[in-house]
């Protein structure tokens, strides 16, 4: 009897796993949250094992406790101001890039002549690393806030334009054809069919490129800056304070995770019909 119960339990477990591991099948919010938290716990355990077990020296990787201690010290000595100025630079630069990229991306994705004119240019710029322009921006603009914001704009703008254009193109052609068949004009097809259908994907594009913008600001802050998380990381590197470098990197990750989660939530709220 016990063997039958055990076999039934194992069989049910296998069946549950098969139901979960189906390509693109949704899972419950509770399971999703549990798996996400578990991933961070596993990373923390591996980090603890490597550092407390002396497998990796503290000169290269600090322990979790020393990193936490350094974080508390940094926050008590004004690290909040560095975080706020970095967030300010990212958001200003990214919003400016988005204001320009959104209409351009829509037009490039919707109209072939506009795509033929603009797309090669943005594809060309996209492969130019934003960090390579820092010396030029310092020479042209100086080392103030404008230079760092310009780096973020240059890094984000081409990606946004091309990815938004691709989101517009990915709208099912049959929807467009049916709209014309029902008597819609070109203006209505763009604003009442293509745009509403592509907006959830555009929101995802914004979320993804915003993550890249954080890498651009750190590069900008490593050169000619006197504040910001990147500047703090550089200062820590010069004084061999590895725990402070880890704090800066972790703070960036936490901020990115919060912003990413918020945009994902906002996408589901605004476009619930797409999920």
C-alpha atoms as a PDB file:
ATOM      1  CA  UNK A   1       0.000   0.000   0.000  1.00  0.00           C
ATOM      2  CA  UNK A   2       2.866   2.358   0.896  1.00  0.00           C
ATOM      3  CA  UNK A   3       4.586   1.536  -2.403  1.00  0.00           C
ATOM      4  CA  UNK A   4       1.407   2.368  -4.308  1.00  0.00           C
ATOM      5  CA  UNK A   5       1.128   5.738  -2.547  1.00  0.00           C
ATOM      6  CA  UNK A   6       4.779   6.457  -3.227  1.00  0.00           C
ATOM      7  CA  UNK A   7       4.446   5.546  -6.896  1.00  0.00           C
ATOM      8  CA  UNK A   8       1.294   7.667  -7.150  1.00  0.00           C
ATOM      9  CA  UNK A   9       3.108  10.612  -5.540  1.00  0.00           C
ATOM     10  CA  UNK A  10       6.086  10.295  -7.927  1.00  0.00           C
ATOM     11  CA  UNK A  11       3.725   9.976 -10.881  1.00  0.00           C
ATOM     12  CA  UNK A  12       1.848  13.139  -9.837  1.00  0.00           C
ATOM     13  CA  UNK A  13       5.131  15.013  -9.434  1.00  0.00           C
ATOM     14  CA  UNK A  14       6.271  14.034 -12.928  1.00  0.00           C
ATOM     15  CA  UNK A  15       2.910  15.025 -14.313  1.00  0.00           C
ATOM     16  CA  UNK A  16       3.113  18.435 -12.591  1.00  0.00           C
ATOM     17  CA  UNK A  17       6.596  19.041 -13.977  1.00  0.00           C
ATOM     18  CA  UNK A  18       5.443  18.140 -17.482  1.00  0.00           C
ATOM     19  CA  UNK A  19       2.574  20.614 -17.176  1.00  0.00           C
ATOM     20  CA  UNK A  20       4.946  23.401 -16.079  1.00  0.00           C
ATOM     21  CA  UNK A  21       7.701  22.740 -18.634  1.00  0.00           C
ATOM     22  CA  UNK A  22       5.647  23.452 -21.734  1.00  0.00           C
ATOM     23  CA  UNK A  23       7.130  26.024 -24.171  1.00  0.00           C
ATOM     24  CA  UNK A  24       5.632  29.505 -23.601  1.00  0.00           C
ATOM     25  CA  UNK A  25       3.072  28.198 -21.109  1.00  0.00           C
ATOM     26  CA  UNK A  26       2.230  30.699 -18.356  1.00  0.00           C
ATOM     27  CA  UNK A  27       2.915  29.840 -14.725  1.00  0.00           C
ATOM     28  CA  UNK A  28       1.255  31.211 -11.604  1.00  0.00           C
ATOM     29  CA  UNK A  29       2.460  34.478 -10.130  1.00  0.00           C
ATOM     30  CA  UNK A  30       3.297  32.700  -6.882  1.00  0.00           C
ATOM     31  CA  UNK A  31       5.494  30.132  -8.632  1.00  0.00           C
ATOM     32  CA  UNK A  32       7.177  32.853 -10.676  1.00  0.00           C
ATOM     33  CA  UNK A  33       7.986  34.854  -7.541  1.00  0.00           C
ATOM     34  CA  UNK A  34       9.208  31.743  -5.703  1.00  0.00           C
ATOM     35  CA  UNK A  35      11.571  30.792  -8.531  1.00  0.00           C
ATOM     36  CA  UNK A  36      12.890  34.354  -8.792  1.00  0.00           C
ATOM     37  CA  UNK A  37      13.636  34.572  -5.057  1.00  0.00           C
ATOM     38  CA  UNK A  38      15.199  31.095  -5.139  1.00  0.00           C
ATOM     39  CA  UNK A  39      17.585  32.206  -7.892  1.00  0.00           C
ATOM     40  CA  UNK A  40      18.865  35.078  -5.729  1.00  0.00           C
ATOM     41  CA  UNK A  41      19.225  32.772  -2.722  1.00  0.00           C
ATOM     42  CA  UNK A  42      21.296  30.336  -4.805  1.00  0.00           C
ATOM     43  CA  UNK A  43      23.564  33.177  -5.969  1.00  0.00           C
ATOM     44  CA  UNK A  44      23.985  34.349  -2.351  1.00  0.00           C
ATOM     45  CA  UNK A  45      24.826  30.817  -1.215  1.00  0.00           C
ATOM     46  CA  UNK A  46      27.432  30.388  -3.968  1.00  0.00           C
ATOM     47  CA  UNK A  47      28.914  33.804  -3.120  1.00  0.00           C
ATOM     48  CA  UNK A  48      29.073  32.853   0.570  1.00  0.00           C
ATOM     49  CA  UNK A  49      30.638  29.476  -0.218  1.00  0.00           C
ATOM     50  CA  UNK A  50      33.333  31.051  -2.392  1.00  0.00           C
ATOM     51  CA  UNK A  51      34.248  33.812   0.075  1.00  0.00           C
ATOM     52  CA  UNK A  52      33.737  32.341   3.548  1.00  0.00           C
ATOM     53  CA  UNK A  53      35.271  29.074   2.357  1.00  0.00           C
ATOM     54  CA  UNK A  54      38.405  30.994   1.240  1.00  0.00           C
ATOM     55  CA  UNK A  55      38.098  29.558  -2.252  1.00  0.00           C
ATOM     56  CA  UNK A  56      38.411  33.104  -3.571  1.00  0.00           C
ATOM     57  CA  UNK A  57      40.459  35.650  -1.634  1.00  0.00           C
ATOM     58  CA  UNK A  58      38.812  38.724  -0.101  1.00  0.00           C
ATOM     59  CA  UNK A  59      41.157  40.876  -2.183  1.00  0.00           C
ATOM     60  CA  UNK A  60      39.205  39.808  -5.266  1.00  0.00           C
ATOM     61  CA  UNK A  61      35.691  39.104  -3.958  1.00  0.00           C
ATOM     62  CA  UNK A  62      34.433  40.466  -0.608  1.00  0.00           C
ATOM     63  CA  UNK A  63      32.200  38.454   1.688  1.00  0.00           C
ATOM     64  CA  UNK A  64      28.479  39.261   1.813  1.00  0.00           C
ATOM     65  CA  UNK A  65      28.842  40.590   5.371  1.00  0.00           C
ATOM     66  CA  UNK A  66      31.702  42.957   4.491  1.00  0.00           C
ATOM     67  CA  UNK A  67      29.763  44.157   1.445  1.00  0.00           C
ATOM     68  CA  UNK A  68      26.716  44.842   3.625  1.00  0.00           C
ATOM     69  CA  UNK A  69      28.904  46.702   6.126  1.00  0.00           C
ATOM     70  CA  UNK A  70      30.414  48.802   3.341  1.00  0.00           C
ATOM     71  CA  UNK A  71      26.917  49.546   2.008  1.00  0.00           C
ATOM     72  CA  UNK A  72      25.738  50.823   5.402  1.00  0.00           C
ATOM     73  CA  UNK A  73      28.850  52.964   5.721  1.00  0.00           C
ATOM     74  CA  UNK A  74      28.409  54.434   2.245  1.00  0.00           C
ATOM     75  CA  UNK A  75      24.746  55.254   2.810  1.00  0.00           C
ATOM     76  CA  UNK A  76      25.531  56.942   6.112  1.00  0.00           C
ATOM     77  CA  UNK A  77      28.187  59.097   4.402  1.00  0.00           C
ATOM     78  CA  UNK A  78      26.028  60.506   1.603  1.00  0.00           C
ATOM     79  CA  UNK A  79      25.908  57.797  -1.066  1.00  0.00           C
ATOM     80  CA  UNK A  80      22.250  58.695  -1.637  1.00  0.00           C
ATOM     81  CA  UNK A  81      23.358  61.830  -3.505  1.00  0.00           C
ATOM     82  CA  UNK A  82      25.469  59.735  -5.906  1.00  0.00           C
ATOM     83  CA  UNK A  83      22.517  57.446  -6.554  1.00  0.00           C
ATOM     84  CA  UNK A  84      20.134  60.338  -7.169  1.00  0.00           C
ATOM     85  CA  UNK A  85      22.456  62.113  -9.640  1.00  0.00           C
ATOM     86  CA  UNK A  86      22.977  58.881 -11.589  1.00  0.00           C
ATOM     87  CA  UNK A  87      19.225  58.244 -11.743  1.00  0.00           C
ATOM     88  CA  UNK A  88      18.716  61.851 -12.871  1.00  0.00           C
ATOM     89  CA  UNK A  89      21.265  61.506 -15.685  1.00  0.00           C
ATOM     90  CA  UNK A  90      19.790  58.244 -16.919  1.00  0.00           C
ATOM     91  CA  UNK A  91      16.191  59.403 -16.879  1.00  0.00           C
ATOM     92  CA  UNK A  92      16.830  62.788 -18.529  1.00  0.00           C
ATOM     93  CA  UNK A  93      18.993  61.289 -21.268  1.00  0.00           C
ATOM     94  CA  UNK A  94      16.660  58.379 -21.885  1.00  0.00           C
ATOM     95  CA  UNK A  95      13.479  60.496 -21.944  1.00  0.00           C
ATOM     96  CA  UNK A  96      15.038  62.890 -24.472  1.00  0.00           C
ATOM     97  CA  UNK A  97      16.075  59.925 -26.627  1.00  0.00           C
ATOM     98  CA  UNK A  98      12.586  58.404 -26.314  1.00  0.00           C
ATOM     99  CA  UNK A  99      10.841  61.655 -27.302  1.00  0.00           C
ATOM    100  CA  UNK A 100      12.870  61.707 -30.519  1.00  0.00           C
ATOM    101  CA  UNK A 101      12.854  57.953 -31.152  1.00  0.00           C
ATOM    102  CA  UNK A 102       9.152  57.242 -30.684  1.00  0.00           C
ATOM    103  CA  UNK A 103       7.779  59.212 -33.669  1.00  0.00           C
ATOM    104  CA  UNK A 104      10.804  58.374 -35.809  1.00  0.00           C
ATOM    105  CA  UNK A 105      10.532  54.659 -35.073  1.00  0.00           C
ATOM    106  CA  UNK A 106       6.805  54.662 -35.852  1.00  0.00           C
ATOM    107  CA  UNK A 107       7.348  56.452 -39.171  1.00  0.00           C
ATOM    108  CA  UNK A 108      10.287  54.243 -40.157  1.00  0.00           C
ATOM    109  CA  UNK A 109       8.331  51.088 -39.311  1.00  0.00           C
ATOM    110  CA  UNK A 110       5.189  52.218 -41.126  1.00  0.00           C
ATOM    111  CA  UNK A 111       6.495  53.919 -44.273  1.00  0.00           C
ATOM    112  CA  UNK A 112       9.069  52.340 -46.587  1.00  0.00           C
ATOM    113  CA  UNK A 113      10.401  55.616 -48.093  1.00  0.00           C
ATOM    114  CA  UNK A 114      11.126  57.024 -44.623  1.00  0.00           C
ATOM    115  CA  UNK A 115      12.759  53.713 -43.661  1.00  0.00           C
ATOM    116  CA  UNK A 116      14.941  53.812 -46.779  1.00  0.00           C
ATOM    117  CA  UNK A 117      16.133  57.312 -45.825  1.00  0.00           C
ATOM    118  CA  UNK A 118      16.672  57.006 -42.059  1.00  0.00           C
ATOM    119  CA  UNK A 119      17.289  53.332 -41.304  1.00  0.00           C
ATOM    120  CA  UNK A 120      20.786  53.034 -42.851  1.00  0.00           C
ATOM    121  CA  UNK A 121      21.905  56.099 -40.875  1.00  0.00           C
ATOM    122  CA  UNK A 122      20.676  54.761 -37.531  1.00  0.00           C
ATOM    123  CA  UNK A 123      22.034  51.305 -38.326  1.00  0.00           C
ATOM    124  CA  UNK A 124      25.411  52.944 -38.989  1.00  0.00           C
ATOM    125  CA  UNK A 125      25.323  54.933 -35.723  1.00  0.00           C
ATOM    126  CA  UNK A 126      24.142  51.909 -33.743  1.00  0.00           C
ATOM    127  CA  UNK A 127      27.475  50.154 -34.214  1.00  0.00           C
ATOM    128  CA  UNK A 128      29.461  53.127 -32.936  1.00  0.00           C
ATOM    129  CA  UNK A 129      30.164  52.614 -29.221  1.00  0.00           C
ATOM    130  CA  UNK A 130      28.858  55.531 -27.188  1.00  0.00           C
ATOM    131  CA  UNK A 131      31.940  55.387 -24.976  1.00  0.00           C
ATOM    132  CA  UNK A 132      34.145  56.257 -27.966  1.00  0.00           C
ATOM    133  CA  UNK A 133      32.407  59.638 -28.204  1.00  0.00           C
ATOM    134  CA  UNK A 134      33.186  60.653 -24.611  1.00  0.00           C
ATOM    135  CA  UNK A 135      36.467  62.451 -25.519  1.00  0.00           C
ATOM    136  CA  UNK A 136      34.655  64.325 -28.298  1.00  0.00           C
ATOM    137  CA  UNK A 137      31.734  65.258 -26.054  1.00  0.00           C
ATOM    138  CA  UNK A 138      34.147  66.531 -23.399  1.00  0.00           C
ATOM    139  CA  UNK A 139      35.857  68.651 -26.075  1.00  0.00           C
ATOM    140  CA  UNK A 140      32.555  69.896 -27.554  1.00  0.00           C
ATOM    141  CA  UNK A 141      30.358  70.218 -24.452  1.00  0.00           C
ATOM    142  CA  UNK A 142      32.672  70.066 -21.448  1.00  0.00           C
ATOM    143  CA  UNK A 143      32.590  67.729 -18.452  1.00  0.00           C
ATOM    144  CA  UNK A 144      29.280  68.887 -16.983  1.00  0.00           C
ATOM    145  CA  UNK A 145      25.921  67.139 -16.920  1.00  0.00           C
ATOM    146  CA  UNK A 146      25.299  67.776 -20.636  1.00  0.00           C
ATOM    147  CA  UNK A 147      28.196  65.539 -21.645  1.00  0.00           C
ATOM    148  CA  UNK A 148      26.960  62.566 -19.613  1.00  0.00           C
ATOM    149  CA  UNK A 149      23.382  63.010 -20.812  1.00  0.00           C
ATOM    150  CA  UNK A 150      24.633  63.230 -24.402  1.00  0.00           C
ATOM    151  CA  UNK A 151      26.358  59.840 -24.010  1.00  0.00           C
ATOM    152  CA  UNK A 152      23.085  58.267 -22.873  1.00  0.00           C
ATOM    153  CA  UNK A 153      21.161  59.870 -25.734  1.00  0.00           C
ATOM    154  CA  UNK A 154      23.690  58.661 -28.307  1.00  0.00           C
ATOM    155  CA  UNK A 155      23.700  55.153 -26.890  1.00  0.00           C
ATOM    156  CA  UNK A 156      19.914  54.841 -26.529  1.00  0.00           C
ATOM    157  CA  UNK A 157      18.527  56.724 -29.536  1.00  0.00           C
ATOM    158  CA  UNK A 158      19.594  54.412 -32.416  1.00  0.00           C
ATOM    159  CA  UNK A 159      18.551  51.297 -30.494  1.00  0.00           C
ATOM    160  CA  UNK A 160      15.147  52.766 -29.663  1.00  0.00           C
ATOM    161  CA  UNK A 161      14.474  53.951 -33.219  1.00  0.00           C
ATOM    162  CA  UNK A 162      15.344  50.639 -34.861  1.00  0.00           C
ATOM    163  CA  UNK A 163      13.632  48.428 -32.290  1.00  0.00           C
ATOM    164  CA  UNK A 164      10.436  50.516 -32.274  1.00  0.00           C
ATOM    165  CA  UNK A 165      10.419  50.408 -36.084  1.00  0.00           C
ATOM    166  CA  UNK A 166      10.736  46.630 -35.886  1.00  0.00           C
ATOM    167  CA  UNK A 167       7.823  46.457 -33.416  1.00  0.00           C
ATOM    168  CA  UNK A 168       5.678  48.411 -35.890  1.00  0.00           C
ATOM    169  CA  UNK A 169       6.645  46.071 -38.723  1.00  0.00           C
ATOM    170  CA  UNK A 170       5.798  42.992 -36.682  1.00  0.00           C
ATOM    171  CA  UNK A 171       2.083  43.823 -36.639  1.00  0.00           C
ATOM    172  CA  UNK A 172       0.209  41.039 -38.413  1.00  0.00           C
ATOM    173  CA  UNK A 173      -0.212  42.017 -42.074  1.00  0.00           C
ATOM    174  CA  UNK A 174      -3.622  40.366 -42.178  1.00  0.00           C
ATOM    175  CA  UNK A 175      -4.954  42.957 -39.690  1.00  0.00           C
ATOM    176  CA  UNK A 176      -3.818  45.753 -42.007  1.00  0.00           C
ATOM    177  CA  UNK A 177      -5.309  44.078 -45.072  1.00  0.00           C
ATOM    178  CA  UNK A 178      -8.642  43.494 -43.329  1.00  0.00           C
ATOM    179  CA  UNK A 179      -8.727  47.157 -42.259  1.00  0.00           C
ATOM    180  CA  UNK A 180      -8.282  48.328 -45.837  1.00  0.00           C
ATOM    181  CA  UNK A 181     -10.929  45.850 -46.962  1.00  0.00           C
ATOM    182  CA  UNK A 182     -13.376  47.342 -44.446  1.00  0.00           C
ATOM    183  CA  UNK A 183     -12.759  50.818 -45.876  1.00  0.00           C
ATOM    184  CA  UNK A 184     -10.212  52.285 -43.440  1.00  0.00           C
ATOM    185  CA  UNK A 185      -7.898  54.959 -44.815  1.00  0.00           C
ATOM    186  CA  UNK A 186      -4.128  55.016 -44.316  1.00  0.00           C
ATOM    187  CA  UNK A 187      -4.332  57.387 -41.341  1.00  0.00           C
ATOM    188  CA  UNK A 188      -6.820  55.168 -39.488  1.00  0.00           C
ATOM    189  CA  UNK A 189      -4.840  52.026 -40.278  1.00  0.00           C
ATOM    190  CA  UNK A 190      -1.760  53.553 -38.642  1.00  0.00           C
ATOM    191  CA  UNK A 191      -3.418  55.122 -35.595  1.00  0.00           C
ATOM    192  CA  UNK A 192      -6.249  52.662 -34.943  1.00  0.00           C
ATOM    193  CA  UNK A 193      -4.754  49.339 -36.006  1.00  0.00           C
ATOM    194  CA  UNK A 194      -0.948  49.327 -36.196  1.00  0.00           C
ATOM    195  CA  UNK A 195      -0.186  51.512 -33.176  1.00  0.00           C
ATOM    196  CA  UNK A 196      -2.592  49.881 -30.666  1.00  0.00           C
ATOM    197  CA  UNK A 197      -1.379  46.407 -31.673  1.00  0.00           C
ATOM    198  CA  UNK A 198       2.312  47.336 -31.435  1.00  0.00           C
ATOM    199  CA  UNK A 199       2.216  49.374 -28.199  1.00  0.00           C
ATOM    200  CA  UNK A 200       2.816  46.414 -25.813  1.00  0.00           C
ATOM    201  CA  UNK A 201       5.924  45.487 -27.823  1.00  0.00           C
ATOM    202  CA  UNK A 202       7.048  49.122 -27.864  1.00  0.00           C
ATOM    203  CA  UNK A 203       6.734  49.195 -24.069  1.00  0.00           C
ATOM    204  CA  UNK A 204       8.942  46.099 -23.874  1.00  0.00           C
ATOM    205  CA  UNK A 205      11.472  47.783 -26.144  1.00  0.00           C
ATOM    206  CA  UNK A 206      11.523  50.824 -23.848  1.00  0.00           C
ATOM    207  CA  UNK A 207      12.092  48.547 -20.863  1.00  0.00           C
ATOM    208  CA  UNK A 208      14.987  46.716 -22.547  1.00  0.00           C
ATOM    209  CA  UNK A 209      16.785  49.811 -23.868  1.00  0.00           C
ATOM    210  CA  UNK A 210      16.413  51.600 -20.530  1.00  0.00           C
ATOM    211  CA  UNK A 211      18.481  48.764 -19.072  1.00  0.00           C
ATOM    212  CA  UNK A 212      21.219  49.504 -21.609  1.00  0.00           C
ATOM    213  CA  UNK A 213      21.092  53.215 -20.708  1.00  0.00           C
ATOM    214  CA  UNK A 214      22.393  52.344 -17.230  1.00  0.00           C
ATOM    215  CA  UNK A 215      25.570  50.906 -18.763  1.00  0.00           C
ATOM    216  CA  UNK A 216      26.133  54.092 -20.762  1.00  0.00           C
ATOM    217  CA  UNK A 217      25.841  56.367 -17.725  1.00  0.00           C
ATOM    218  CA  UNK A 218      28.364  54.346 -15.734  1.00  0.00           C
ATOM    219  CA  UNK A 219      30.868  54.580 -18.579  1.00  0.00           C
ATOM    220  CA  UNK A 220      30.233  58.345 -18.769  1.00  0.00           C
ATOM    221  CA  UNK A 221      30.712  58.716 -15.014  1.00  0.00           C
ATOM    222  CA  UNK A 222      34.032  56.901 -15.100  1.00  0.00           C
ATOM    223  CA  UNK A 223      35.499  59.774 -17.138  1.00  0.00           C
ATOM    224  CA  UNK A 224      35.442  63.401 -16.047  1.00  0.00           C
ATOM    225  CA  UNK A 225      32.841  63.043 -13.287  1.00  0.00           C
ATOM    226  CA  UNK A 226      32.886  64.163  -9.667  1.00  0.00           C
ATOM    227  CA  UNK A 227      29.687  62.411  -8.549  1.00  0.00           C
ATOM    228  CA  UNK A 228      27.508  59.424  -9.351  1.00  0.00           C
ATOM    229  CA  UNK A 229      27.677  55.683  -8.835  1.00  0.00           C
ATOM    230  CA  UNK A 230      30.257  55.254 -11.600  1.00  0.00           C
ATOM    231  CA  UNK A 231      32.470  57.898  -9.999  1.00  0.00           C
ATOM    232  CA  UNK A 232      32.123  56.103  -6.666  1.00  0.00           C
ATOM    233  CA  UNK A 233      33.173  52.817  -8.268  1.00  0.00           C
ATOM    234  CA  UNK A 234      36.223  54.490  -9.825  1.00  0.00           C
ATOM    235  CA  UNK A 235      37.233  56.037  -6.491  1.00  0.00           C
ATOM    236  CA  UNK A 236      36.897  52.668  -4.771  1.00  0.00           C
ATOM    237  CA  UNK A 237      39.028  51.035  -7.465  1.00  0.00           C
ATOM    238  CA  UNK A 238      41.802  53.572  -6.916  1.00  0.00           C
ATOM    239  CA  UNK A 239      41.909  52.776  -3.192  1.00  0.00           C
ATOM    240  CA  UNK A 240      41.433  48.994  -3.627  1.00  0.00           C
ATOM    241  CA  UNK A 241      38.106  49.001  -1.757  1.00  0.00           C
ATOM    242  CA  UNK A 242      36.610  45.979  -3.501  1.00  0.00           C
ATOM    243  CA  UNK A 243      33.615  45.851  -1.183  1.00  0.00           C
ATOM    244  CA  UNK A 244      32.610  49.388  -2.243  1.00  0.00           C
ATOM    245  CA  UNK A 245      32.896  48.406  -5.902  1.00  0.00           C
ATOM    246  CA  UNK A 246      30.530  45.512  -5.228  1.00  0.00           C
ATOM    247  CA  UNK A 247      28.123  47.866  -3.451  1.00  0.00           C
ATOM    248  CA  UNK A 248      28.009  50.161  -6.492  1.00  0.00           C
ATOM    249  CA  UNK A 249      27.412  47.255  -8.845  1.00  0.00           C
ATOM    250  CA  UNK A 250      24.715  45.737  -6.616  1.00  0.00           C
ATOM    251  CA  UNK A 251      22.924  49.078  -6.213  1.00  0.00           C
ATOM    252  CA  UNK A 252      22.775  49.409  -9.996  1.00  0.00           C
ATOM    253  CA  UNK A 253      21.313  45.927 -10.205  1.00  0.00           C
ATOM    254  CA  UNK A 254      18.678  46.658  -7.551  1.00  0.00           C
ATOM    255  CA  UNK A 255      17.648  49.936  -9.190  1.00  0.00           C
ATOM    256  CA  UNK A 256      17.442  48.224 -12.574  1.00  0.00           C
ATOM    257  CA  UNK A 257      15.360  45.388 -11.145  1.00  0.00           C
ATOM    258  CA  UNK A 258      12.923  47.821  -9.518  1.00  0.00           C
ATOM    259  CA  UNK A 259      12.524  49.894 -12.701  1.00  0.00           C
ATOM    260  CA  UNK A 260      12.201  46.766 -14.843  1.00  0.00           C
ATOM    261  CA  UNK A 261       9.544  45.283 -12.551  1.00  0.00           C
ATOM    262  CA  UNK A 262       7.625  48.564 -12.533  1.00  0.00           C
ATOM    263  CA  UNK A 263       7.623  48.816 -16.350  1.00  0.00           C
ATOM    264  CA  UNK A 264       6.571  45.167 -16.673  1.00  0.00           C
ATOM    265  CA  UNK A 265       3.711  45.781 -14.224  1.00  0.00           C
ATOM    266  CA  UNK A 266       2.736  48.979 -16.066  1.00  0.00           C
ATOM    267  CA  UNK A 267       2.724  47.102 -19.368  1.00  0.00           C
ATOM    268  CA  UNK A 268       0.336  44.502 -17.965  1.00  0.00           C
ATOM    269  CA  UNK A 269      -1.937  47.189 -16.525  1.00  0.00           C
ATOM    270  CA  UNK A 270      -2.072  49.335 -19.662  1.00  0.00           C
ATOM    271  CA  UNK A 271      -2.284  46.462 -22.129  1.00  0.00           C
ATOM    272  CA  UNK A 272      -3.927  43.691 -20.125  1.00  0.00           C
ATOM    273  CA  UNK A 273      -5.604  42.384 -23.293  1.00  0.00           C
ATOM    274  CA  UNK A 274      -2.187  41.350 -24.610  1.00  0.00           C
ATOM    275  CA  UNK A 275      -1.392  39.002 -21.703  1.00  0.00           C
END
